[in-house]
């Protein structure tokens, strides 16, 4: 198998998963589903190929890496609209800043660093990512606030 077609399939899978969550009704649903999919369906089996693409030094592979990153960012835009309508968005964030944060935190770099370099399990990473996104992007839900008392 050639590397570039394999990377294309990885990119397509990631973009399809990102688009699937754009239809969620609540930001929390989308963040939780996205955290599970990033860890379990994209990064766990494919992160070595993604890293090779980024670090290869090949101009075509690097251009493809950048294109995939930009497309991943663009696929988050429906979530921006959902966040703009939600009373749960943290008051110090604009919907655009929330998308920037989500895009950055869900990138493969944090998976590589925590799972491959620090020894976290993929399940631990998935749990952390879901919690981190919820805490950083959303105000506590009324149900969670009541149980914390």
C-alpha atoms as a PDB file:
ATOM      1  CA  UNK A   1       0.000   0.000   0.000  1.00  0.00           C
ATOM      2  CA  UNK A   2       1.307   3.432  -0.847  1.00  0.00           C
ATOM      3  CA  UNK A   3       1.535   5.869   2.048  1.00  0.00           C
ATOM      4  CA  UNK A   4      -0.364   8.739   0.407  1.00  0.00           C
ATOM      5  CA  UNK A   5      -3.556   6.703  -0.300  1.00  0.00           C
ATOM      6  CA  UNK A   6      -3.465   5.394   3.277  1.00  0.00           C
ATOM      7  CA  UNK A   7      -3.179   8.945   4.600  1.00  0.00           C
ATOM      8  CA  UNK A   8      -6.051  10.025   2.375  1.00  0.00           C
ATOM      9  CA  UNK A   9      -8.271   7.331   3.891  1.00  0.00           C
ATOM     10  CA  UNK A  10      -7.268   8.450   7.394  1.00  0.00           C
ATOM     11  CA  UNK A  11      -8.101  12.061   6.541  1.00  0.00           C
ATOM     12  CA  UNK A  12     -11.423  11.067   5.016  1.00  0.00           C
ATOM     13  CA  UNK A  13     -12.344   9.059   8.111  1.00  0.00           C
ATOM     14  CA  UNK A  14     -11.507  11.966  10.384  1.00  0.00           C
ATOM     15  CA  UNK A  15     -13.469  14.438   8.316  1.00  0.00           C
ATOM     16  CA  UNK A  16     -16.473  12.123   8.121  1.00  0.00           C
ATOM     17  CA  UNK A  17     -16.470  11.689  11.890  1.00  0.00           C
ATOM     18  CA  UNK A  18     -16.175  15.426  12.460  1.00  0.00           C
ATOM     19  CA  UNK A  19     -19.089  16.061  10.121  1.00  0.00           C
ATOM     20  CA  UNK A  20     -21.221  13.433  11.823  1.00  0.00           C
ATOM     21  CA  UNK A  21     -21.108  15.351  15.095  1.00  0.00           C
ATOM     22  CA  UNK A  22     -22.047  18.631  13.501  1.00  0.00           C
ATOM     23  CA  UNK A  23     -25.686  17.525  13.675  1.00  0.00           C
ATOM     24  CA  UNK A  24     -25.723  17.101  17.449  1.00  0.00           C
ATOM     25  CA  UNK A  25     -28.376  19.096  19.247  1.00  0.00           C
ATOM     26  CA  UNK A  26     -26.265  20.188  22.214  1.00  0.00           C
ATOM     27  CA  UNK A  27     -22.603  21.213  22.394  1.00  0.00           C
ATOM     28  CA  UNK A  28     -21.889  18.658  25.123  1.00  0.00           C
ATOM     29  CA  UNK A  29     -23.119  15.770  22.932  1.00  0.00           C
ATOM     30  CA  UNK A  30     -20.851  16.860  20.127  1.00  0.00           C
ATOM     31  CA  UNK A  31     -17.810  17.339  22.370  1.00  0.00           C
ATOM     32  CA  UNK A  32     -18.225  13.939  24.024  1.00  0.00           C
ATOM     33  CA  UNK A  33     -18.742  12.104  20.750  1.00  0.00           C
ATOM     34  CA  UNK A  34     -15.835  13.923  19.145  1.00  0.00           C
ATOM     35  CA  UNK A  35     -13.491  12.986  21.992  1.00  0.00           C
ATOM     36  CA  UNK A  36     -14.375   9.314  21.680  1.00  0.00           C
ATOM     37  CA  UNK A  37     -13.968   9.301  17.933  1.00  0.00           C
ATOM     38  CA  UNK A  38     -10.704  11.220  17.875  1.00  0.00           C
ATOM     39  CA  UNK A  39      -9.064   8.780  20.254  1.00  0.00           C
ATOM     40  CA  UNK A  40     -10.613   5.471  19.355  1.00  0.00           C
ATOM     41  CA  UNK A  41     -11.245   5.650  15.650  1.00  0.00           C
ATOM     42  CA  UNK A  42      -8.656   8.013  14.265  1.00  0.00           C
ATOM     43  CA  UNK A  43      -5.558   8.452  16.369  1.00  0.00           C
ATOM     44  CA  UNK A  44      -5.188   5.044  17.948  1.00  0.00           C
ATOM     45  CA  UNK A  45      -4.802   3.145  14.661  1.00  0.00           C
ATOM     46  CA  UNK A  46      -3.394   5.938  12.493  1.00  0.00           C
ATOM     47  CA  UNK A  47      -1.278   8.369  14.428  1.00  0.00           C
ATOM     48  CA  UNK A  48       2.037   6.935  13.219  1.00  0.00           C
ATOM     49  CA  UNK A  49       1.075   7.567   9.602  1.00  0.00           C
ATOM     50  CA  UNK A  50      -0.063  11.081  10.444  1.00  0.00           C
ATOM     51  CA  UNK A  51       3.209  11.769  12.237  1.00  0.00           C
ATOM     52  CA  UNK A  52       5.173  10.407   9.269  1.00  0.00           C
ATOM     53  CA  UNK A  53       3.269  12.720   6.949  1.00  0.00           C
ATOM     54  CA  UNK A  54       4.070  15.737   9.132  1.00  0.00           C
ATOM     55  CA  UNK A  55       7.722  14.899   9.782  1.00  0.00           C
ATOM     56  CA  UNK A  56       8.700  13.351   6.424  1.00  0.00           C
ATOM     57  CA  UNK A  57      10.218  16.485   4.938  1.00  0.00           C
ATOM     58  CA  UNK A  58       8.386  15.685   1.709  1.00  0.00           C
ATOM     59  CA  UNK A  59       6.745  18.841   0.357  1.00  0.00           C
ATOM     60  CA  UNK A  60       3.701  16.974  -1.014  1.00  0.00           C
ATOM     61  CA  UNK A  61       3.082  15.097   2.225  1.00  0.00           C
ATOM     62  CA  UNK A  62       3.505  18.251   4.281  1.00  0.00           C
ATOM     63  CA  UNK A  63       1.080  20.115   2.017  1.00  0.00           C
ATOM     64  CA  UNK A  64      -1.417  17.275   2.428  1.00  0.00           C
ATOM     65  CA  UNK A  65      -0.924  17.374   6.220  1.00  0.00           C
ATOM     66  CA  UNK A  66      -1.708  21.096   6.254  1.00  0.00           C
ATOM     67  CA  UNK A  67      -4.719  20.609   3.998  1.00  0.00           C
ATOM     68  CA  UNK A  68      -6.123  17.931   6.314  1.00  0.00           C
ATOM     69  CA  UNK A  69      -5.643  20.210   9.332  1.00  0.00           C
ATOM     70  CA  UNK A  70      -7.460  23.048   7.579  1.00  0.00           C
ATOM     71  CA  UNK A  71     -10.290  20.759   6.494  1.00  0.00           C
ATOM     72  CA  UNK A  72     -10.583  19.448  10.063  1.00  0.00           C
ATOM     73  CA  UNK A  73     -10.946  23.057  11.246  1.00  0.00           C
ATOM     74  CA  UNK A  74     -13.551  23.812   8.585  1.00  0.00           C
ATOM     75  CA  UNK A  75     -15.559  20.734   9.549  1.00  0.00           C
ATOM     76  CA  UNK A  76     -15.952  22.168  13.052  1.00  0.00           C
ATOM     77  CA  UNK A  77     -17.804  25.247  11.805  1.00  0.00           C
ATOM     78  CA  UNK A  78     -21.335  23.835  12.298  1.00  0.00           C
ATOM     79  CA  UNK A  79     -20.408  23.427  15.961  1.00  0.00           C
ATOM     80  CA  UNK A  80     -19.639  27.164  16.043  1.00  0.00           C
ATOM     81  CA  UNK A  81     -23.306  27.870  15.243  1.00  0.00           C
ATOM     82  CA  UNK A  82     -24.447  25.436  17.918  1.00  0.00           C
ATOM     83  CA  UNK A  83     -22.179  27.085  20.487  1.00  0.00           C
ATOM     84  CA  UNK A  84     -23.364  30.570  19.479  1.00  0.00           C
ATOM     85  CA  UNK A  85     -26.945  29.553  20.291  1.00  0.00           C
ATOM     86  CA  UNK A  86     -26.101  27.759  23.507  1.00  0.00           C
ATOM     87  CA  UNK A  87     -26.363  29.333  26.954  1.00  0.00           C
ATOM     88  CA  UNK A  88     -23.702  26.794  28.026  1.00  0.00           C
ATOM     89  CA  UNK A  89     -20.778  28.446  26.180  1.00  0.00           C
ATOM     90  CA  UNK A  90     -18.345  29.865  28.738  1.00  0.00           C
ATOM     91  CA  UNK A  91     -18.826  33.626  28.903  1.00  0.00           C
ATOM     92  CA  UNK A  92     -15.138  34.401  28.356  1.00  0.00           C
ATOM     93  CA  UNK A  93     -15.119  32.607  24.988  1.00  0.00           C
ATOM     94  CA  UNK A  94     -16.575  33.613  21.663  1.00  0.00           C
ATOM     95  CA  UNK A  95     -17.867  30.735  19.531  1.00  0.00           C
ATOM     96  CA  UNK A  96     -14.844  31.234  17.256  1.00  0.00           C
ATOM     97  CA  UNK A  97     -12.418  31.010  20.168  1.00  0.00           C
ATOM     98  CA  UNK A  98     -14.168  27.863  21.375  1.00  0.00           C
ATOM     99  CA  UNK A  99     -13.701  26.292  17.941  1.00  0.00           C
ATOM    100  CA  UNK A 100     -10.031  27.304  17.957  1.00  0.00           C
ATOM    101  CA  UNK A 101      -9.610  25.642  21.340  1.00  0.00           C
ATOM    102  CA  UNK A 102     -11.433  22.478  20.265  1.00  0.00           C
ATOM    103  CA  UNK A 103      -9.401  22.279  17.052  1.00  0.00           C
ATOM    104  CA  UNK A 104      -6.137  22.699  18.901  1.00  0.00           C
ATOM    105  CA  UNK A 105      -6.815  20.281  21.763  1.00  0.00           C
ATOM    106  CA  UNK A 106      -8.245  17.557  19.523  1.00  0.00           C
ATOM    107  CA  UNK A 107      -5.263  17.592  17.165  1.00  0.00           C
ATOM    108  CA  UNK A 108      -3.004  14.558  17.001  1.00  0.00           C
ATOM    109  CA  UNK A 109      -0.156  16.232  18.874  1.00  0.00           C
ATOM    110  CA  UNK A 110      -1.740  15.877  22.308  1.00  0.00           C
ATOM    111  CA  UNK A 111      -2.550  12.225  21.579  1.00  0.00           C
ATOM    112  CA  UNK A 112       1.057  11.553  20.545  1.00  0.00           C
ATOM    113  CA  UNK A 113       2.442  13.311  23.593  1.00  0.00           C
ATOM    114  CA  UNK A 114       0.143  11.716  26.164  1.00  0.00           C
ATOM    115  CA  UNK A 115      -0.320   8.202  24.754  1.00  0.00           C
ATOM    116  CA  UNK A 116       2.968   7.500  22.996  1.00  0.00           C
ATOM    117  CA  UNK A 117       5.370   9.666  24.964  1.00  0.00           C
ATOM    118  CA  UNK A 118       3.840   9.661  28.460  1.00  0.00           C
ATOM    119  CA  UNK A 119       2.301   6.185  28.435  1.00  0.00           C
ATOM    120  CA  UNK A 120      -1.380   7.029  28.865  1.00  0.00           C
ATOM    121  CA  UNK A 121      -3.827   4.421  27.629  1.00  0.00           C
ATOM    122  CA  UNK A 122      -6.064   5.438  24.706  1.00  0.00           C
ATOM    123  CA  UNK A 123      -9.062   5.078  27.060  1.00  0.00           C
ATOM    124  CA  UNK A 124      -7.471   7.438  29.594  1.00  0.00           C
ATOM    125  CA  UNK A 125      -6.755   9.952  26.831  1.00  0.00           C
ATOM    126  CA  UNK A 126     -10.341   9.733  25.561  1.00  0.00           C
ATOM    127  CA  UNK A 127     -11.714  10.341  29.052  1.00  0.00           C
ATOM    128  CA  UNK A 128      -9.365  13.271  29.642  1.00  0.00           C
ATOM    129  CA  UNK A 129     -10.146  14.838  26.271  1.00  0.00           C
ATOM    130  CA  UNK A 130     -13.896  14.648  26.822  1.00  0.00           C
ATOM    131  CA  UNK A 131     -13.613  16.160  30.298  1.00  0.00           C
ATOM    132  CA  UNK A 132     -11.125  18.835  29.214  1.00  0.00           C
ATOM    133  CA  UNK A 133     -13.313  19.992  26.356  1.00  0.00           C
ATOM    134  CA  UNK A 134     -16.404  20.085  28.537  1.00  0.00           C
ATOM    135  CA  UNK A 135     -14.640  22.120  31.251  1.00  0.00           C
ATOM    136  CA  UNK A 136     -12.810  24.500  28.929  1.00  0.00           C
ATOM    137  CA  UNK A 137     -15.665  25.239  26.515  1.00  0.00           C
ATOM    138  CA  UNK A 138     -18.910  24.844  28.444  1.00  0.00           C
ATOM    139  CA  UNK A 139     -20.338  26.257  31.647  1.00  0.00           C
ATOM    140  CA  UNK A 140     -21.271  23.537  34.142  1.00  0.00           C
ATOM    141  CA  UNK A 141     -24.653  22.024  33.406  1.00  0.00           C
ATOM    142  CA  UNK A 142     -27.380  22.806  35.955  1.00  0.00           C
ATOM    143  CA  UNK A 143     -27.536  19.093  36.859  1.00  0.00           C
ATOM    144  CA  UNK A 144     -23.786  18.926  37.561  1.00  0.00           C
ATOM    145  CA  UNK A 145     -23.841  22.161  39.522  1.00  0.00           C
ATOM    146  CA  UNK A 146     -26.636  20.823  41.745  1.00  0.00           C
ATOM    147  CA  UNK A 147     -24.829  17.539  42.441  1.00  0.00           C
ATOM    148  CA  UNK A 148     -21.613  19.387  43.308  1.00  0.00           C
ATOM    149  CA  UNK A 149     -23.319  21.135  46.236  1.00  0.00           C
END
